[in-house]
Amino acid sequence: MPSLQIRDLPEPIYQKLKEQAAKEFRSLSQQAITVLAKGLGVSKDSKSRRKEILEQISKNPVGPSGDTLPDPVAMIREDRER
């Protein structure tokens, strides 16, 4: 995998990158890769990707066999009526 070294990085940029890395529980290198990828439109950040996946799941819920999942409210009502 290629590596990149950045010389003469302005201190405010370095500090901001360091703060973001700490907030996201990432290393400085991981955060730099994430910011570069996001800025270049190469990939989406994990939060956006998770949000899209969860939206897809909620729109089209399917079980392991490929069948749609039953409505949980109906299942609870049925169970309570026993």
C-alpha atoms as a PDB file:
ATOM      1  CA  MET A   1       0.000   0.000   0.000  1.00  0.00           C
ATOM      2  CA  PRO A   2       1.404   3.439  -0.860  1.00  0.00           C
ATOM      3  CA  SER A   3       2.361   5.871   1.867  1.00  0.00           C
ATOM      4  CA  LEU A   4       2.304   9.659   1.941  1.00  0.00           C
ATOM      5  CA  GLN A   5       4.419  12.124   3.875  1.00  0.00           C
ATOM      6  CA  ILE A   6       3.285  15.729   4.189  1.00  0.00           C
ATOM      7  CA  ARG A   7       5.886  18.387   4.892  1.00  0.00           C
ATOM      8  CA  ASP A   8       5.260  21.859   6.285  1.00  0.00           C
ATOM      9  CA  LEU A   9       1.717  21.063   7.389  1.00  0.00           C
ATOM     10  CA  PRO A  10       0.267  24.205   8.984  1.00  0.00           C
ATOM     11  CA  GLU A  11      -0.181  23.868  12.748  1.00  0.00           C
ATOM     12  CA  PRO A  12      -3.934  24.730  12.735  1.00  0.00           C
ATOM     13  CA  ILE A  13      -4.616  21.944  10.221  1.00  0.00           C
ATOM     14  CA  TYR A  14      -2.577  19.474  12.246  1.00  0.00           C
ATOM     15  CA  GLN A  15      -4.393  20.407  15.468  1.00  0.00           C
ATOM     16  CA  LYS A  16      -7.823  20.157  13.826  1.00  0.00           C
ATOM     17  CA  LEU A  17      -6.940  16.750  12.381  1.00  0.00           C
ATOM     18  CA  LYS A  18      -5.675  15.617  15.771  1.00  0.00           C
ATOM     19  CA  GLU A  19      -8.898  16.794  17.497  1.00  0.00           C
ATOM     20  CA  GLN A  20     -11.092  15.029  14.942  1.00  0.00           C
ATOM     21  CA  ALA A  21      -9.072  11.836  15.292  1.00  0.00           C
ATOM     22  CA  ALA A  22      -9.534  11.892  19.063  1.00  0.00           C
ATOM     23  CA  LYS A  23     -13.298  12.462  18.733  1.00  0.00           C
ATOM     24  CA  GLU A  24     -13.644   9.553  16.299  1.00  0.00           C
ATOM     25  CA  PHE A  25     -11.288   7.265  18.280  1.00  0.00           C
ATOM     26  CA  ARG A  26      -8.936   6.994  15.294  1.00  0.00           C
ATOM     27  CA  SER A  27      -5.209   7.351  14.871  1.00  0.00           C
ATOM     28  CA  LEU A  28      -3.924  10.486  13.189  1.00  0.00           C
ATOM     29  CA  SER A  29      -3.111   8.455  10.060  1.00  0.00           C
ATOM     30  CA  GLN A  30      -6.583   6.875   9.953  1.00  0.00           C
ATOM     31  CA  GLN A  31      -8.211  10.285  10.308  1.00  0.00           C
ATOM     32  CA  ALA A  32      -6.041  11.768   7.547  1.00  0.00           C
ATOM     33  CA  ILE A  33      -7.067   8.937   5.203  1.00  0.00           C
ATOM     34  CA  THR A  34     -10.741   9.419   6.110  1.00  0.00           C
ATOM     35  CA  VAL A  35     -10.599  13.184   5.527  1.00  0.00           C
ATOM     36  CA  LEU A  36      -8.741  12.781   2.223  1.00  0.00           C
ATOM     37  CA  ALA A  37     -11.165  10.124   0.979  1.00  0.00           C
ATOM     38  CA  LYS A  38     -14.167  12.208   1.974  1.00  0.00           C
ATOM     39  CA  GLY A  39     -12.714  15.362   0.403  1.00  0.00           C
ATOM     40  CA  LEU A  40     -11.926  13.563  -2.830  1.00  0.00           C
ATOM     41  CA  GLY A  41     -15.311  11.850  -2.922  1.00  0.00           C
ATOM     42  CA  VAL A  42     -13.646   8.438  -2.922  1.00  0.00           C
ATOM     43  CA  SER A  43     -15.713   6.920  -0.141  1.00  0.00           C
ATOM     44  CA  LYS A  44     -18.278   7.899   2.410  1.00  0.00           C
ATOM     45  CA  ASP A  45     -17.576   8.132   6.101  1.00  0.00           C
ATOM     46  CA  SER A  46     -18.725   5.215   8.205  1.00  0.00           C
ATOM     47  CA  LYS A  47     -21.626   7.105   9.811  1.00  0.00           C
ATOM     48  CA  SER A  48     -23.155   7.984   6.443  1.00  0.00           C
ATOM     49  CA  ARG A  49     -22.586   4.468   5.152  1.00  0.00           C
ATOM     50  CA  ARG A  50     -24.235   2.969   8.262  1.00  0.00           C
ATOM     51  CA  LYS A  51     -27.168   5.361   7.950  1.00  0.00           C
ATOM     52  CA  GLU A  52     -27.759   4.364   4.318  1.00  0.00           C
ATOM     53  CA  ILE A  53     -27.547   0.668   5.137  1.00  0.00           C
ATOM     54  CA  LEU A  54     -30.010   1.002   8.017  1.00  0.00           C
ATOM     55  CA  GLU A  55     -32.413   2.936   5.781  1.00  0.00           C
ATOM     56  CA  GLN A  56     -32.226   0.169   3.168  1.00  0.00           C
ATOM     57  CA  ILE A  57     -32.891  -2.472   5.810  1.00  0.00           C
ATOM     58  CA  SER A  58     -35.873  -0.590   7.239  1.00  0.00           C
ATOM     59  CA  LYS A  59     -37.377  -0.110   3.755  1.00  0.00           C
ATOM     60  CA  ASN A  60     -37.007  -3.747   2.770  1.00  0.00           C
ATOM     61  CA  PRO A  61     -36.866  -6.005   5.824  1.00  0.00           C
ATOM     62  CA  VAL A  62     -36.198  -9.609   4.913  1.00  0.00           C
ATOM     63  CA  GLY A  63     -35.486 -12.628   7.018  1.00  0.00           C
ATOM     64  CA  PRO A  64     -32.733 -15.185   6.548  1.00  0.00           C
ATOM     65  CA  SER A  65     -34.895 -17.221   4.158  1.00  0.00           C
ATOM     66  CA  GLY A  66     -35.612 -14.174   1.973  1.00  0.00           C
ATOM     67  CA  ASP A  67     -39.180 -13.753   3.221  1.00  0.00           C
ATOM     68  CA  THR A  68     -40.360 -10.411   4.529  1.00  0.00           C
ATOM     69  CA  LEU A  69     -40.362 -10.168   8.288  1.00  0.00           C
ATOM     70  CA  PRO A  70     -43.695 -10.117  10.139  1.00  0.00           C
ATOM     71  CA  ASP A  71     -44.911  -6.938  11.767  1.00  0.00           C
ATOM     72  CA  PRO A  72     -43.651  -6.977  15.384  1.00  0.00           C
ATOM     73  CA  VAL A  73     -46.719  -5.055  16.615  1.00  0.00           C
ATOM     74  CA  ALA A  74     -49.039  -7.717  15.204  1.00  0.00           C
ATOM     75  CA  MET A  75     -46.905 -10.450  16.771  1.00  0.00           C
ATOM     76  CA  ILE A  76     -47.059  -8.794  20.206  1.00  0.00           C
ATOM     77  CA  ARG A  77     -50.829  -8.304  19.942  1.00  0.00           C
ATOM     78  CA  GLU A  78     -51.293 -11.913  18.956  1.00  0.00           C
ATOM     79  CA  ASP A  79     -49.164 -13.065  21.871  1.00  0.00           C
ATOM     80  CA  ARG A  80     -51.086 -10.887  24.351  1.00  0.00           C
ATOM     81  CA  GLU A  81     -54.433 -12.211  23.142  1.00  0.00           C
ATOM     82  CA  ARG A  82     -53.527 -15.781  24.055  1.00  0.00           C
END
